[in-house]
C-alpha cells in the first residue's frame, strides 16, 4: 500500500470533506480529505482500476476528482 493524493474540486465546507471521506469508505478505502489543500489522501495500490473506482465514487457525490498529486 502507498499513499495516494488525489485532487478534488468542489469541496467548500466540513460537510463536503466528510462526504468525500464517506464515499471512499463505501468502496473499502480509508481516506482523509483536506479542504485547505483541495485533495483527498488515502492508502491504496494506486492501480488504474482503483483510481477509476475512487474517481467514480467522488463524482457520484457531486465533486470533481482531478489528477494524482
Foldseek 3Di string as FASTA:
>chain_A
DDKWKKAKPDDDDPVLQVQLQVLQVVVPWGWGDDPVVRIIITDDDPDPVVVVSSQVSSVVVPMHIDDID
